[in-house]
Amino acid sequence: MGTETGKAGRLKHDEAIRRVQESCDDLIRIITRDHIPPVSCRAGCDWCCRQPVYITPLEGVAIRDFVTRNRMEKRVLRETERYLAEVGAKRQGPSGLAALHKSVLGVGPPPTDRQRHAVYGPKCIFLNPDGLCSIYPARPLMCREHISFDDVRKCERDEPFLGLDKPRFSEVTSYLTQRSVEPRLRMLPIWEYERAAALADAAPEVKPGELKKALRWKTG
């Protein structure tokens, strides 16, 4: 992948997210290569797929396009209803979802510990019965960067990272913008790519005004 040092310019959504995803995957490969102990994550191990995941507007468009292209709309709607029913059946599930929503929008405090536990547990709406991700090529950055070097039994026994606090931006894409990163991997912050994609005539679905509002809480 070429060096990314200037402004992103005008990019289509698929090109913008492809650049970010490839850089994230490259970085994870470098981090995990010859690591001792080795990565314990394996296909079908889904213990980390039971928690809310933040996505950026650009990632949302990529997931929507993947779902539409593969005719998964009915299945996703069905799984969404199942997920909401499972969370809603928990004692503080509804208030946990409401607190999470407000926190994401930047208009409320993060969920309490009890609310965090209430929204943890139900499987991701994109998880197949065999434990594999049905949108793996388009999976969010938080999923791409989430790896474990621990015994897999620890993931089964313990609750994985509950990333419900308001993030400024993805840890990986933040790292990719630092001067310490070799030029081959250095990129612009992800919101630069989102702005570029929002301006692309070929994909006008993400309106600049909506993008600006969504980025306000993400960038601090």
Protein backbone atom coordinates (compact mmCIF):
# COMPACT_ATOMS: atom_id res chain seq x y z
CA MET A 1 0.00 0.00 0.00
CA GLY A 2 1.34 3.45 -0.87
CA THR A 3 2.21 6.18 1.59
CA GLU A 4 -0.63 8.48 2.63
CA THR A 5 0.78 11.88 3.58
CA GLY A 6 -1.41 14.56 1.98
CA LYS A 7 -5.07 15.37 2.13
CA ALA A 8 -7.34 12.51 1.24
CA GLY A 9 -9.05 14.53 -1.47
CA ARG A 10 -12.21 13.12 -3.02
CA LEU A 11 -12.58 9.40 -2.46
CA LYS A 12 -15.45 7.02 -2.98
CA HIS A 13 -16.66 5.32 0.17
CA ASP A 14 -15.34 1.91 -0.83
CA GLU A 15 -11.87 3.27 -1.62
CA ALA A 16 -11.69 5.30 1.60
CA ILE A 17 -12.67 2.43 3.88
CA ARG A 18 -10.46 0.00 1.92
CA ARG A 19 -7.39 2.13 2.66
CA VAL A 20 -8.20 2.28 6.36
CA GLN A 21 -9.02 -1.43 6.63
CA GLU A 22 -5.87 -2.50 4.82
CA SER A 23 -3.68 -0.32 7.05
CA CYS A 24 -5.37 -1.71 10.14
CA ASP A 25 -4.89 -5.30 8.95
CA ASP A 26 -1.24 -4.63 8.03
CA LEU A 27 -0.55 -3.22 11.48
CA ILE A 28 -2.22 -6.16 13.23
CA ARG A 29 -0.15 -8.61 11.15
CA ILE A 30 3.04 -6.80 12.19
CA ILE A 31 2.03 -6.77 15.86
CA THR A 32 1.12 -10.46 15.94
CA ARG A 33 3.95 -11.80 13.78
CA ASP A 34 6.20 -14.08 15.86
CA HIS A 35 4.57 -12.80 19.04
CA ILE A 36 5.20 -14.85 22.18
CA PRO A 37 2.72 -16.07 23.28
CA PRO A 38 0.95 -16.40 19.92
CA VAL A 39 -2.52 -15.07 19.18
CA SER A 40 -5.12 -17.29 20.77
CA CYS A 41 -7.99 -16.13 18.53
CA ARG A 42 -9.28 -18.79 16.15
CA ALA A 43 -12.12 -19.04 13.63
CA GLY A 44 -15.29 -19.97 15.45
CA CYS A 45 -14.18 -18.52 18.80
CA ASP A 46 -16.82 -15.87 19.43
CA TRP A 47 -16.50 -14.95 23.10
CA CYS A 48 -15.65 -11.34 22.19
CA CYS A 49 -18.69 -11.03 19.91
CA ARG A 50 -21.10 -10.33 22.76
CA GLN A 51 -20.62 -6.62 23.34
CA PRO A 52 -21.57 -3.34 21.67
CA VAL A 53 -19.12 -2.19 19.00
CA TYR A 54 -18.55 1.39 17.92
CA ILE A 55 -18.50 2.09 14.19
CA THR A 56 -17.84 5.30 12.31
CA PRO A 57 -20.22 6.58 9.60
CA LEU A 58 -17.80 5.37 6.92
CA GLU A 59 -17.76 1.85 8.38
CA GLY A 60 -21.55 1.93 8.58
CA VAL A 61 -21.82 2.62 4.86
CA ALA A 62 -19.39 -0.22 4.11
CA ILE A 63 -21.39 -2.67 6.24
CA ARG A 64 -24.67 -1.56 4.68
CA ASP A 65 -23.25 -2.03 1.19
CA PHE A 66 -21.95 -5.49 2.08
CA VAL A 67 -25.30 -6.53 3.57
CA THR A 68 -27.20 -5.23 0.53
CA ARG A 69 -24.80 -6.77 -1.97
CA ASN A 70 -25.13 -10.18 -0.29
CA ARG A 71 -28.91 -9.91 0.18
CA MET A 72 -28.70 -10.23 3.96
CA GLU A 73 -31.30 -7.57 4.82
CA LYS A 74 -34.02 -9.92 6.10
CA ARG A 75 -31.58 -11.91 8.19
CA VAL A 76 -30.08 -8.72 9.71
CA LEU A 77 -33.54 -7.35 10.58
CA ARG A 78 -34.48 -10.66 12.19
CA GLU A 79 -31.26 -10.79 14.19
CA THR A 80 -31.66 -7.16 15.24
CA GLU A 81 -35.10 -7.93 16.66
CA ARG A 82 -33.65 -10.94 18.48
CA TYR A 83 -30.81 -8.85 19.91
CA LEU A 84 -33.10 -6.06 21.14
CA ALA A 85 -35.46 -8.60 22.71
CA GLU A 86 -32.60 -10.27 24.60
CA VAL A 87 -31.22 -6.97 25.89
CA GLY A 88 -34.72 -5.70 26.68
CA ALA A 89 -35.41 -8.75 28.82
CA LYS A 90 -32.54 -7.85 31.15
CA ARG A 91 -33.26 -5.78 34.25
CA GLN A 92 -31.30 -2.72 33.13
CA GLY A 93 -31.11 -3.59 29.45
CA PRO A 94 -33.38 -0.81 28.10
CA SER A 95 -31.76 1.87 30.26
CA GLY A 96 -28.34 0.53 29.27
CA LEU A 97 -29.10 0.87 25.57
CA ALA A 98 -30.51 4.37 26.15
CA ALA A 99 -27.41 5.41 28.11
CA LEU A 100 -25.16 3.96 25.43
CA HIS A 101 -27.02 5.86 22.72
CA LYS A 102 -26.77 9.16 24.58
CA SER A 103 -23.09 8.57 25.28
CA VAL A 104 -22.37 7.92 21.60
CA LEU A 105 -24.15 11.15 20.67
CA GLY A 106 -22.17 13.01 23.31
CA VAL A 107 -25.26 14.19 25.19
CA GLY A 108 -24.98 12.00 28.26
CA PRO A 109 -22.60 10.20 30.61
CA PRO A 110 -21.31 6.70 29.82
CA PRO A 111 -23.36 3.73 31.05
CA THR A 112 -22.96 2.65 34.67
CA ASP A 113 -21.27 -0.67 35.48
CA ARG A 114 -24.67 -2.33 35.89
CA GLN A 115 -25.86 -0.94 32.57
CA ARG A 116 -22.65 -2.16 30.94
CA HIS A 117 -23.29 -5.68 32.16
CA ALA A 118 -26.91 -5.47 31.01
CA VAL A 119 -25.95 -4.80 27.37
CA TYR A 120 -23.19 -7.42 27.43
CA GLY A 121 -24.07 -11.00 26.55
CA PRO A 122 -26.37 -11.21 23.51
CA LYS A 123 -24.48 -12.32 20.43
CA CYS A 124 -23.72 -9.88 17.62
CA ILE A 125 -26.41 -9.67 14.97
CA PHE A 126 -23.80 -10.56 12.32
CA LEU A 127 -22.60 -13.74 14.05
CA ASN A 128 -23.36 -17.02 12.28
CA PRO A 129 -24.45 -20.12 14.26
CA ASP A 130 -21.01 -21.64 13.62
CA GLY A 131 -19.32 -18.72 15.38
CA LEU A 132 -18.06 -17.10 12.19
CA CYS A 133 -18.66 -13.46 11.23
CA SER A 134 -21.11 -13.08 8.34
CA ILE A 135 -19.66 -9.67 7.37
CA TYR A 136 -15.99 -10.53 7.98
CA PRO A 137 -14.59 -8.61 4.96
CA ALA A 138 -16.48 -5.49 6.10
CA ARG A 139 -16.15 -5.97 9.87
CA PRO A 140 -15.56 -2.80 11.94
CA LEU A 141 -12.13 -1.58 12.99
CA MET A 142 -12.88 -2.38 16.64
CA CYS A 143 -13.33 -6.01 15.62
CA ARG A 144 -10.23 -6.00 13.41
CA GLU A 145 -8.02 -4.64 16.19
CA HIS A 146 -9.41 -6.80 19.00
CA ILE A 147 -6.96 -9.67 19.56
CA SER A 148 -6.01 -11.80 22.54
CA PHE A 149 -2.81 -13.53 23.60
CA ASP A 150 -4.45 -15.12 26.66
CA ASP A 151 -5.67 -18.66 27.16
CA VAL A 152 -8.98 -18.96 25.32
CA ARG A 153 -10.55 -20.27 28.53
CA LYS A 154 -9.98 -16.83 30.03
CA CYS A 155 -12.07 -15.25 27.26
CA GLU A 156 -14.79 -17.79 27.97
CA ARG A 157 -14.67 -17.19 31.71
CA ASP A 158 -14.22 -13.41 31.77
CA GLU A 159 -16.15 -10.62 30.13
CA PRO A 160 -14.09 -9.18 27.25
CA PHE A 161 -13.28 -5.50 26.97
CA LEU A 162 -16.41 -3.41 27.35
CA GLY A 163 -15.60 -0.43 25.15
CA LEU A 164 -18.64 1.62 26.04
CA ASP A 165 -16.95 4.88 27.03
CA LYS A 166 -17.00 7.67 24.47
CA PRO A 167 -13.91 7.11 22.27
CA ARG A 168 -12.10 9.92 20.49
CA PHE A 169 -11.26 7.59 17.61
CA SER A 170 -10.08 4.05 16.95
CA GLU A 171 -6.86 3.09 18.74
CA VAL A 172 -5.42 1.58 15.60
CA THR A 173 -6.23 4.48 13.30
CA SER A 174 -4.91 6.81 15.97
CA TYR A 175 -1.63 4.91 16.01
CA LEU A 176 -1.47 4.98 12.24
CA THR A 177 -1.33 8.78 12.28
CA GLN A 178 1.66 9.03 14.64
CA ARG A 179 5.10 10.14 13.43
CA SER A 180 6.68 7.07 15.03
CA VAL A 181 4.94 4.85 12.48
CA GLU A 182 6.99 4.00 9.44
CA PRO A 183 5.89 5.95 6.31
CA ARG A 184 4.58 2.79 4.66
CA LEU A 185 1.84 2.53 7.27
CA ARG A 186 1.24 6.18 8.10
CA MET A 187 -2.23 7.49 7.30
CA LEU A 188 -4.49 10.42 7.96
CA PRO A 189 -6.98 10.25 10.84
CA ILE A 190 -10.02 8.26 9.78
CA TRP A 191 -12.29 11.31 9.81
CA GLU A 192 -10.26 12.79 6.93
CA TYR A 193 -11.26 9.77 4.86
CA GLU A 194 -14.85 10.09 6.01
CA ARG A 195 -14.98 13.72 4.95
CA ALA A 196 -13.47 12.81 1.60
CA ALA A 197 -16.00 10.03 1.11
CA ALA A 198 -18.87 12.33 2.08
CA LEU A 199 -17.87 14.66 -0.74
CA ALA A 200 -17.74 11.94 -3.37
CA ASP A 201 -20.48 12.38 -5.97
CA ALA A 202 -20.69 8.63 -6.51
CA ALA A 203 -21.97 8.01 -2.98
CA PRO A 204 -24.05 10.93 -1.67
CA GLU A 205 -25.78 8.92 1.08
CA VAL A 206 -23.66 10.38 3.88
CA LYS A 207 -24.52 14.07 4.04
CA PRO A 208 -21.75 16.43 5.22
CA GLY A 209 -24.03 17.86 7.90
CA GLU A 210 -24.81 14.42 9.31
CA LEU A 211 -21.14 13.47 9.17
CA LYS A 212 -20.11 16.63 11.02
CA LYS A 213 -22.61 15.88 13.79
CA ALA A 214 -21.45 12.27 14.08
CA LEU A 215 -17.80 13.31 14.21
CA ARG A 216 -18.35 15.95 16.89
CA TRP A 217 -18.44 13.41 19.74
CA LYS A 218 -15.80 11.18 18.15
CA THR A 219 -13.12 13.82 17.78
CA GLY A 220 -13.68 15.43 21.18
